[in-house]
């Protein structure tokens, strides 16, 4: 569960860097809770192709974080900030 939330957070940060197809697969699997079988039927590709694509997407998201470290920086900022209004303002900066 923790890994799933981590990947979803990375997607929120870096999802726009993925292709439209990758974004669709990620959203179907992680947000809409479709199984690999359901996705393979929906998109008319093999179950293994969907699984391979999801692994590639996860790898890309992790690679972006390894290089840019935005998730890591946000966590550090969140630990330092006690004032919720200031915290919200800083989070808003990263959303743009």
N, C-alpha and C. Protein backbone atom coordinates (compact mmCIF):
# COMPACT_ATOMS: atom_id res chain seq x y z
N UNK A 1 0.82 -1.20 0.00
CA UNK A 1 0.00 0.00 0.00
C UNK A 1 0.86 1.26 0.00
N UNK A 2 1.93 1.24 0.78
CA UNK A 2 2.81 2.40 0.86
C UNK A 2 3.47 2.68 -0.50
N UNK A 3 3.88 1.61 -1.19
CA UNK A 3 4.49 1.75 -2.52
C UNK A 3 3.48 2.33 -3.51
N UNK A 4 2.24 1.90 -3.41
CA UNK A 4 1.18 2.39 -4.30
C UNK A 4 0.98 3.90 -4.10
N UNK A 5 0.89 4.33 -2.86
CA UNK A 5 0.73 5.76 -2.57
C UNK A 5 1.93 6.56 -3.04
N UNK A 6 3.11 5.99 -2.88
CA UNK A 6 4.33 6.65 -3.34
C UNK A 6 4.28 6.85 -4.86
N UNK A 7 3.90 5.79 -5.59
CA UNK A 7 3.82 5.90 -7.05
C UNK A 7 2.76 6.89 -7.49
N UNK A 8 1.65 6.92 -6.81
CA UNK A 8 0.59 7.88 -7.14
C UNK A 8 1.08 9.30 -6.90
N UNK A 9 1.83 9.51 -5.84
CA UNK A 9 2.38 10.84 -5.57
C UNK A 9 3.39 11.21 -6.65
N UNK A 10 4.24 10.26 -7.03
CA UNK A 10 5.19 10.53 -8.12
C UNK A 10 4.45 10.86 -9.41
N UNK A 11 3.34 10.15 -9.66
CA UNK A 11 2.55 10.44 -10.85
C UNK A 11 1.98 11.85 -10.79
N UNK A 12 1.53 12.27 -9.62
CA UNK A 12 1.04 13.64 -9.47
C UNK A 12 2.12 14.66 -9.81
N UNK A 13 3.35 14.34 -9.45
CA UNK A 13 4.47 15.25 -9.69
C UNK A 13 4.99 15.19 -11.13
N UNK A 14 5.09 13.99 -11.67
CA UNK A 14 5.78 13.79 -12.95
C UNK A 14 4.90 13.22 -14.07
N UNK A 15 3.63 13.02 -13.81
CA UNK A 15 2.76 12.38 -14.79
C UNK A 15 2.73 13.06 -16.15
N UNK A 16 2.86 14.37 -16.16
CA UNK A 16 2.84 15.10 -17.43
C UNK A 16 4.04 14.79 -18.31
N UNK A 17 5.06 14.17 -17.75
CA UNK A 17 6.23 13.80 -18.52
C UNK A 17 6.05 12.46 -19.24
N UNK A 18 4.98 11.76 -18.93
CA UNK A 18 4.68 10.48 -19.56
C UNK A 18 3.88 10.71 -20.84
N UNK A 19 3.88 9.71 -21.71
CA UNK A 19 3.06 9.80 -22.92
C UNK A 19 1.59 9.68 -22.54
N UNK A 20 0.72 10.05 -23.46
CA UNK A 20 -0.72 9.94 -23.21
C UNK A 20 -1.11 8.49 -22.90
N UNK A 21 -0.55 7.56 -23.65
CA UNK A 21 -0.84 6.14 -23.45
C UNK A 21 -0.38 5.69 -22.06
N UNK A 22 0.81 6.11 -21.65
CA UNK A 22 1.32 5.76 -20.33
C UNK A 22 0.44 6.36 -19.23
N UNK A 23 0.02 7.59 -19.42
CA UNK A 23 -0.87 8.23 -18.45
C UNK A 23 -2.18 7.45 -18.34
N UNK A 24 -2.72 7.04 -19.47
CA UNK A 24 -3.97 6.29 -19.49
C UNK A 24 -3.81 4.97 -18.75
N UNK A 25 -2.77 4.22 -19.05
CA UNK A 25 -2.54 2.92 -18.39
C UNK A 25 -2.37 3.11 -16.88
N UNK A 26 -1.59 4.11 -16.49
CA UNK A 26 -1.37 4.35 -15.07
C UNK A 26 -2.69 4.66 -14.38
N UNK A 27 -3.46 5.55 -14.95
CA UNK A 27 -4.72 5.97 -14.35
C UNK A 27 -5.72 4.83 -14.28
N UNK A 28 -5.79 4.03 -15.33
CA UNK A 28 -6.71 2.89 -15.32
C UNK A 28 -6.34 1.91 -14.20
N UNK A 29 -5.06 1.65 -14.05
CA UNK A 29 -4.61 0.67 -13.07
C UNK A 29 -4.66 1.21 -11.64
N UNK A 30 -4.12 2.41 -11.43
CA UNK A 30 -3.99 2.94 -10.07
C UNK A 30 -5.20 3.73 -9.58
N UNK A 31 -5.89 4.41 -10.46
CA UNK A 31 -7.02 5.23 -10.04
C UNK A 31 -8.37 4.52 -10.24
N UNK A 32 -8.50 3.80 -11.34
CA UNK A 32 -9.76 3.12 -11.64
C UNK A 32 -9.76 1.66 -11.21
N UNK A 33 -8.63 1.19 -10.68
CA UNK A 33 -8.49 -0.17 -10.15
C UNK A 33 -8.84 -1.27 -11.14
N UNK A 34 -8.54 -1.04 -12.42
CA UNK A 34 -8.75 -2.10 -13.40
C UNK A 34 -7.63 -3.12 -13.27
N UNK A 35 -7.97 -4.38 -13.49
CA UNK A 35 -6.95 -5.43 -13.47
C UNK A 35 -6.21 -5.43 -14.81
N UNK A 36 -5.10 -6.15 -14.85
CA UNK A 36 -4.36 -6.26 -16.11
C UNK A 36 -5.24 -6.92 -17.18
N UNK A 37 -6.03 -7.91 -16.79
CA UNK A 37 -6.92 -8.57 -17.73
C UNK A 37 -7.98 -7.62 -18.28
N UNK A 38 -8.57 -6.83 -17.41
CA UNK A 38 -9.58 -5.86 -17.85
C UNK A 38 -8.96 -4.84 -18.81
N UNK A 39 -7.77 -4.40 -18.48
CA UNK A 39 -7.10 -3.42 -19.34
C UNK A 39 -6.74 -4.04 -20.69
N UNK A 40 -6.29 -5.29 -20.68
CA UNK A 40 -5.91 -5.93 -21.94
C UNK A 40 -7.12 -6.08 -22.86
N UNK A 41 -8.27 -6.38 -22.29
CA UNK A 41 -9.49 -6.46 -23.09
C UNK A 41 -9.90 -5.10 -23.60
N UNK A 42 -9.84 -4.10 -22.74
CA UNK A 42 -10.26 -2.74 -23.09
C UNK A 42 -9.40 -2.16 -24.20
N UNK A 43 -8.09 -2.37 -24.14
CA UNK A 43 -7.17 -1.77 -25.11
C UNK A 43 -6.68 -2.74 -26.17
N UNK A 44 -7.20 -3.96 -26.12
CA UNK A 44 -6.90 -4.99 -27.13
C UNK A 44 -5.41 -5.23 -27.29
N UNK A 45 -4.74 -5.38 -26.17
CA UNK A 45 -3.33 -5.77 -26.15
C UNK A 45 -3.18 -6.88 -25.11
N UNK A 46 -2.07 -7.57 -25.15
CA UNK A 46 -1.89 -8.68 -24.23
C UNK A 46 -1.75 -8.20 -22.79
N UNK A 47 -2.09 -9.08 -21.89
CA UNK A 47 -1.97 -8.80 -20.46
C UNK A 47 -0.51 -8.52 -20.10
N UNK A 48 0.39 -9.27 -20.72
CA UNK A 48 1.82 -9.08 -20.43
C UNK A 48 2.32 -7.73 -20.96
N UNK A 49 1.75 -7.27 -22.06
CA UNK A 49 2.13 -5.95 -22.60
C UNK A 49 1.71 -4.84 -21.64
N UNK A 50 0.54 -5.00 -21.05
CA UNK A 50 0.06 -4.02 -20.06
C UNK A 50 0.99 -4.04 -18.85
N UNK A 51 1.29 -5.24 -18.37
CA UNK A 51 2.18 -5.38 -17.21
C UNK A 51 3.55 -4.79 -17.47
N UNK A 52 4.07 -5.04 -18.65
CA UNK A 52 5.38 -4.50 -19.02
C UNK A 52 5.33 -2.97 -19.09
N UNK A 53 4.26 -2.43 -19.64
CA UNK A 53 4.11 -0.98 -19.72
C UNK A 53 4.04 -0.35 -18.33
N UNK A 54 3.31 -0.98 -17.41
CA UNK A 54 3.20 -0.45 -16.06
C UNK A 54 4.55 -0.47 -15.35
N UNK A 55 5.32 -1.53 -15.56
CA UNK A 55 6.66 -1.60 -14.96
C UNK A 55 7.55 -0.49 -15.52
N UNK A 56 7.45 -0.25 -16.82
CA UNK A 56 8.23 0.81 -17.47
C UNK A 56 7.82 2.19 -16.92
N UNK A 57 6.53 2.39 -16.73
CA UNK A 57 6.02 3.65 -16.19
C UNK A 57 6.55 3.86 -14.77
N UNK A 58 6.47 2.82 -13.95
CA UNK A 58 6.97 2.90 -12.58
C UNK A 58 8.46 3.24 -12.57
N UNK A 59 9.19 2.61 -13.47
CA UNK A 59 10.63 2.86 -13.58
C UNK A 59 10.90 4.31 -13.98
N UNK A 60 10.14 4.82 -14.93
CA UNK A 60 10.30 6.22 -15.36
C UNK A 60 10.01 7.18 -14.21
N UNK A 61 8.93 6.94 -13.50
CA UNK A 61 8.58 7.82 -12.38
C UNK A 61 9.68 7.82 -11.32
N UNK A 62 10.19 6.64 -11.00
CA UNK A 62 11.28 6.55 -10.04
C UNK A 62 12.55 7.23 -10.55
N UNK A 63 12.80 7.11 -11.84
CA UNK A 63 13.97 7.75 -12.45
C UNK A 63 13.85 9.27 -12.40
N UNK A 64 12.65 9.79 -12.67
CA UNK A 64 12.45 11.23 -12.57
C UNK A 64 12.72 11.71 -11.14
N UNK A 65 12.22 10.96 -10.17
CA UNK A 65 12.43 11.35 -8.77
C UNK A 65 13.92 11.26 -8.40
N UNK A 66 14.60 10.22 -8.88
CA UNK A 66 16.04 10.09 -8.61
C UNK A 66 16.81 11.30 -9.11
N UNK A 67 16.39 11.82 -10.25
CA UNK A 67 17.10 12.95 -10.84
C UNK A 67 16.65 14.31 -10.29
N UNK A 68 15.34 14.50 -10.12
CA UNK A 68 14.81 15.80 -9.75
C UNK A 68 14.57 15.97 -8.24
N UNK A 69 14.27 14.89 -7.57
CA UNK A 69 14.11 14.85 -6.10
C UNK A 69 13.04 15.80 -5.56
N UNK A 70 11.99 16.02 -6.33
CA UNK A 70 10.93 16.92 -5.89
C UNK A 70 10.16 16.30 -4.72
N UNK A 71 9.84 15.02 -4.79
CA UNK A 71 9.14 14.34 -3.70
C UNK A 71 9.96 14.44 -2.42
N UNK A 72 11.23 14.18 -2.54
CA UNK A 72 12.13 14.24 -1.39
C UNK A 72 12.16 15.65 -0.80
N UNK A 73 12.24 16.65 -1.65
CA UNK A 73 12.28 18.04 -1.19
C UNK A 73 10.97 18.44 -0.52
N UNK A 74 9.85 18.00 -1.10
CA UNK A 74 8.55 18.30 -0.50
C UNK A 74 8.44 17.69 0.90
N UNK A 75 8.93 16.47 1.04
CA UNK A 75 8.90 15.83 2.36
C UNK A 75 9.74 16.59 3.37
N UNK A 76 10.89 17.06 2.95
CA UNK A 76 11.75 17.84 3.84
C UNK A 76 11.07 19.14 4.25
N UNK A 77 10.48 19.82 3.29
CA UNK A 77 9.77 21.08 3.57
C UNK A 77 8.61 20.81 4.53
N UNK A 78 7.85 19.74 4.28
CA UNK A 78 6.72 19.42 5.14
C UNK A 78 7.14 19.14 6.58
N UNK A 79 8.28 18.52 6.75
CA UNK A 79 8.77 18.24 8.11
C UNK A 79 9.21 19.51 8.82
N UNK A 80 9.68 20.48 8.07
CA UNK A 80 10.16 21.73 8.66
C UNK A 80 9.04 22.71 9.00
N UNK A 81 7.96 22.62 8.27
CA UNK A 81 6.90 23.61 8.41
C UNK A 81 5.87 23.16 9.44
N UNK A 82 5.60 24.03 10.36
CA UNK A 82 4.57 23.76 11.37
C UNK A 82 3.29 24.53 11.07
N UNK A 83 3.43 25.69 10.45
CA UNK A 83 2.30 26.56 10.14
C UNK A 83 1.58 26.01 8.89
N UNK A 84 0.33 25.56 9.07
CA UNK A 84 -0.42 24.95 7.98
C UNK A 84 -0.67 25.91 6.82
N UNK A 85 -0.89 27.18 7.10
CA UNK A 85 -1.15 28.13 6.01
C UNK A 85 0.11 28.32 5.15
N UNK A 86 1.26 28.36 5.80
CA UNK A 86 2.51 28.47 5.06
C UNK A 86 2.76 27.19 4.27
N UNK A 87 2.47 26.08 4.87
CA UNK A 87 2.63 24.79 4.20
C UNK A 87 1.78 24.74 2.93
N UNK A 88 0.54 25.20 3.01
CA UNK A 88 -0.36 25.21 1.85
C UNK A 88 0.17 26.13 0.76
N UNK A 89 0.70 27.27 1.14
CA UNK A 89 1.26 28.20 0.15
C UNK A 89 2.45 27.58 -0.57
N UNK A 90 3.30 26.90 0.15
CA UNK A 90 4.47 26.25 -0.47
C UNK A 90 4.02 25.12 -1.39
N UNK A 91 3.05 24.33 -0.94
CA UNK A 91 2.53 23.25 -1.80
C UNK A 91 1.93 23.81 -3.07
N UNK A 92 1.26 24.94 -2.97
CA UNK A 92 0.68 25.58 -4.16
C UNK A 92 1.74 25.99 -5.17
N UNK A 93 2.90 26.41 -4.68
CA UNK A 93 4.01 26.77 -5.57
C UNK A 93 4.42 25.57 -6.41
N UNK A 94 4.48 24.40 -5.80
CA UNK A 94 4.90 23.20 -6.52
C UNK A 94 3.85 22.68 -7.46
N UNK A 95 2.59 23.07 -7.30
CA UNK A 95 1.51 22.61 -8.17
C UNK A 95 1.53 23.32 -9.52
N UNK A 96 2.08 24.50 -9.58
CA UNK A 96 2.09 25.28 -10.83
C UNK A 96 2.97 24.67 -11.82
